[in-house]
């Protein structure tokens, strides 16, 4: 039974879902602000916040964990050199989600997710 195993599936199988999450997280870190659906924004928020918490301490172990999660050296470098030091004094809550009007084509709830 799946008691307390709730996870948003986003209408995809496991590999596609993981690739989507990795791509959204990389785009958010590089651009620092992206427009996406509300469900996707709520899905990647805790993932990216944990990455920022790891990036506060620049050591080999955290670098390898971030590389494993993101698989792009450029993104990990920005995390460790720019975003980690920026939020050094902050205890959490690095991202904000702003709700937008529904998308015209299919009325999906849209949102902007950005760094505080």
Protein backbone atom coordinates (compact mmCIF):
# COMPACT_ATOMS: atom_id res chain seq x y z
CA UNK A 1 0.00 0.00 0.00
CA UNK A 2 1.09 3.57 -0.69
CA UNK A 3 0.34 5.09 2.70
CA UNK A 4 1.99 8.51 3.03
CA UNK A 5 3.84 8.14 -0.28
CA UNK A 6 2.17 11.08 -1.98
CA UNK A 7 4.22 12.46 -4.86
CA UNK A 8 3.18 14.63 -7.77
CA UNK A 9 3.60 12.59 -10.94
CA UNK A 10 3.07 15.44 -13.44
CA UNK A 11 1.55 13.03 -15.96
CA UNK A 12 4.91 11.41 -16.76
CA UNK A 13 6.81 8.24 -16.06
CA UNK A 14 9.77 8.24 -13.67
CA UNK A 15 12.55 9.02 -16.14
CA UNK A 16 10.68 11.83 -17.87
CA UNK A 17 9.62 13.30 -14.53
CA UNK A 18 13.19 13.29 -13.19
CA UNK A 19 14.47 14.88 -16.41
CA UNK A 20 11.79 17.58 -16.21
CA UNK A 21 12.59 18.37 -12.58
CA UNK A 22 16.32 18.50 -13.31
CA UNK A 23 15.74 20.78 -16.30
CA UNK A 24 13.43 23.14 -14.40
CA UNK A 25 15.85 23.32 -11.47
CA UNK A 26 18.78 24.08 -13.79
CA UNK A 27 16.81 26.78 -15.61
CA UNK A 28 15.75 28.37 -12.33
CA UNK A 29 19.31 28.45 -11.03
CA UNK A 30 20.74 29.89 -14.26
CA UNK A 31 18.02 32.49 -14.93
CA UNK A 32 16.98 33.03 -11.27
CA UNK A 33 13.35 33.39 -12.38
CA UNK A 34 11.13 31.18 -14.55
CA UNK A 35 7.49 31.08 -15.54
CA UNK A 36 5.87 27.65 -15.32
CA UNK A 37 2.72 25.95 -14.12
CA UNK A 38 1.85 26.23 -10.45
CA UNK A 39 2.16 22.49 -9.81
CA UNK A 40 5.63 22.32 -11.36
CA UNK A 41 6.74 25.37 -9.35
CA UNK A 42 5.52 23.78 -6.12
CA UNK A 43 7.28 20.54 -7.06
CA UNK A 44 10.73 22.04 -7.66
CA UNK A 45 10.69 24.50 -4.76
CA UNK A 46 11.81 22.11 -1.99
CA UNK A 47 14.35 20.47 -4.29
CA UNK A 48 16.06 23.75 -5.22
CA UNK A 49 15.95 25.01 -1.64
CA UNK A 50 17.81 21.90 -0.46
CA UNK A 51 20.39 22.48 -3.21
CA UNK A 52 20.95 26.04 -2.03
CA UNK A 53 21.39 24.82 1.54
CA UNK A 54 24.04 22.38 0.32
CA UNK A 55 25.75 25.09 -1.72
CA UNK A 56 26.38 27.24 1.36
CA UNK A 57 29.33 24.99 2.24
CA UNK A 58 31.70 24.64 -0.71
CA UNK A 59 33.43 21.29 -0.26
CA UNK A 60 34.03 18.30 -2.48
CA UNK A 61 31.19 16.21 -1.04
CA UNK A 62 28.56 18.91 -1.62
CA UNK A 63 29.93 19.64 -5.10
CA UNK A 64 29.58 15.97 -6.04
CA UNK A 65 26.06 15.75 -4.60
CA UNK A 66 25.01 18.80 -6.60
CA UNK A 67 26.65 17.44 -9.76
CA UNK A 68 24.77 14.18 -9.27
CA UNK A 69 21.46 16.05 -8.99
CA UNK A 70 22.01 18.61 -11.77
CA UNK A 71 24.64 17.04 -14.09
CA UNK A 72 25.83 20.44 -15.38
CA UNK A 73 29.09 21.91 -14.15
CA UNK A 74 28.07 25.46 -15.09
CA UNK A 75 24.95 25.31 -12.93
CA UNK A 76 26.79 23.82 -9.96
CA UNK A 77 29.49 26.48 -10.27
CA UNK A 78 26.87 29.25 -10.12
CA UNK A 79 25.27 27.59 -7.10
CA UNK A 80 28.52 27.35 -5.18
CA UNK A 81 30.05 30.70 -6.18
CA UNK A 82 27.03 33.01 -6.44
CA UNK A 83 23.89 31.70 -4.75
CA UNK A 84 25.48 29.92 -1.79
CA UNK A 85 27.35 32.99 -0.50
CA UNK A 86 24.35 35.24 -1.25
CA UNK A 87 22.10 33.28 1.11
CA UNK A 88 24.75 32.48 3.72
CA UNK A 89 22.96 34.38 6.50
CA UNK A 90 19.45 33.24 5.54
CA UNK A 91 18.02 30.19 7.31
CA UNK A 92 15.62 29.12 4.56
CA UNK A 93 12.86 30.36 2.30
CA UNK A 94 15.07 31.21 -0.64
CA UNK A 95 12.32 31.04 -3.28
CA UNK A 96 9.02 32.80 -3.81
CA UNK A 97 6.09 31.63 -5.95
CA UNK A 98 3.86 34.30 -7.46
CA UNK A 99 0.58 33.11 -8.93
CA UNK A 100 -0.44 34.42 -12.34
CA UNK A 101 -3.59 34.33 -14.43
CA UNK A 102 -4.45 31.03 -16.14
CA UNK A 103 -2.84 30.16 -19.47
CA UNK A 104 -4.99 31.01 -22.49
CA UNK A 105 -4.77 27.70 -24.31
CA UNK A 106 -5.76 25.23 -21.62
CA UNK A 107 -6.48 27.40 -18.55
CA UNK A 108 -3.61 25.84 -16.59
CA UNK A 109 -2.70 27.72 -13.41
CA UNK A 110 0.55 29.58 -14.03
CA UNK A 111 3.16 30.93 -11.65
CA UNK A 112 6.52 32.65 -11.52
CA UNK A 113 9.11 31.10 -9.25
CA UNK A 114 12.07 33.30 -8.35
CA UNK A 115 14.75 33.82 -5.76
CA UNK A 116 14.00 36.19 -2.90
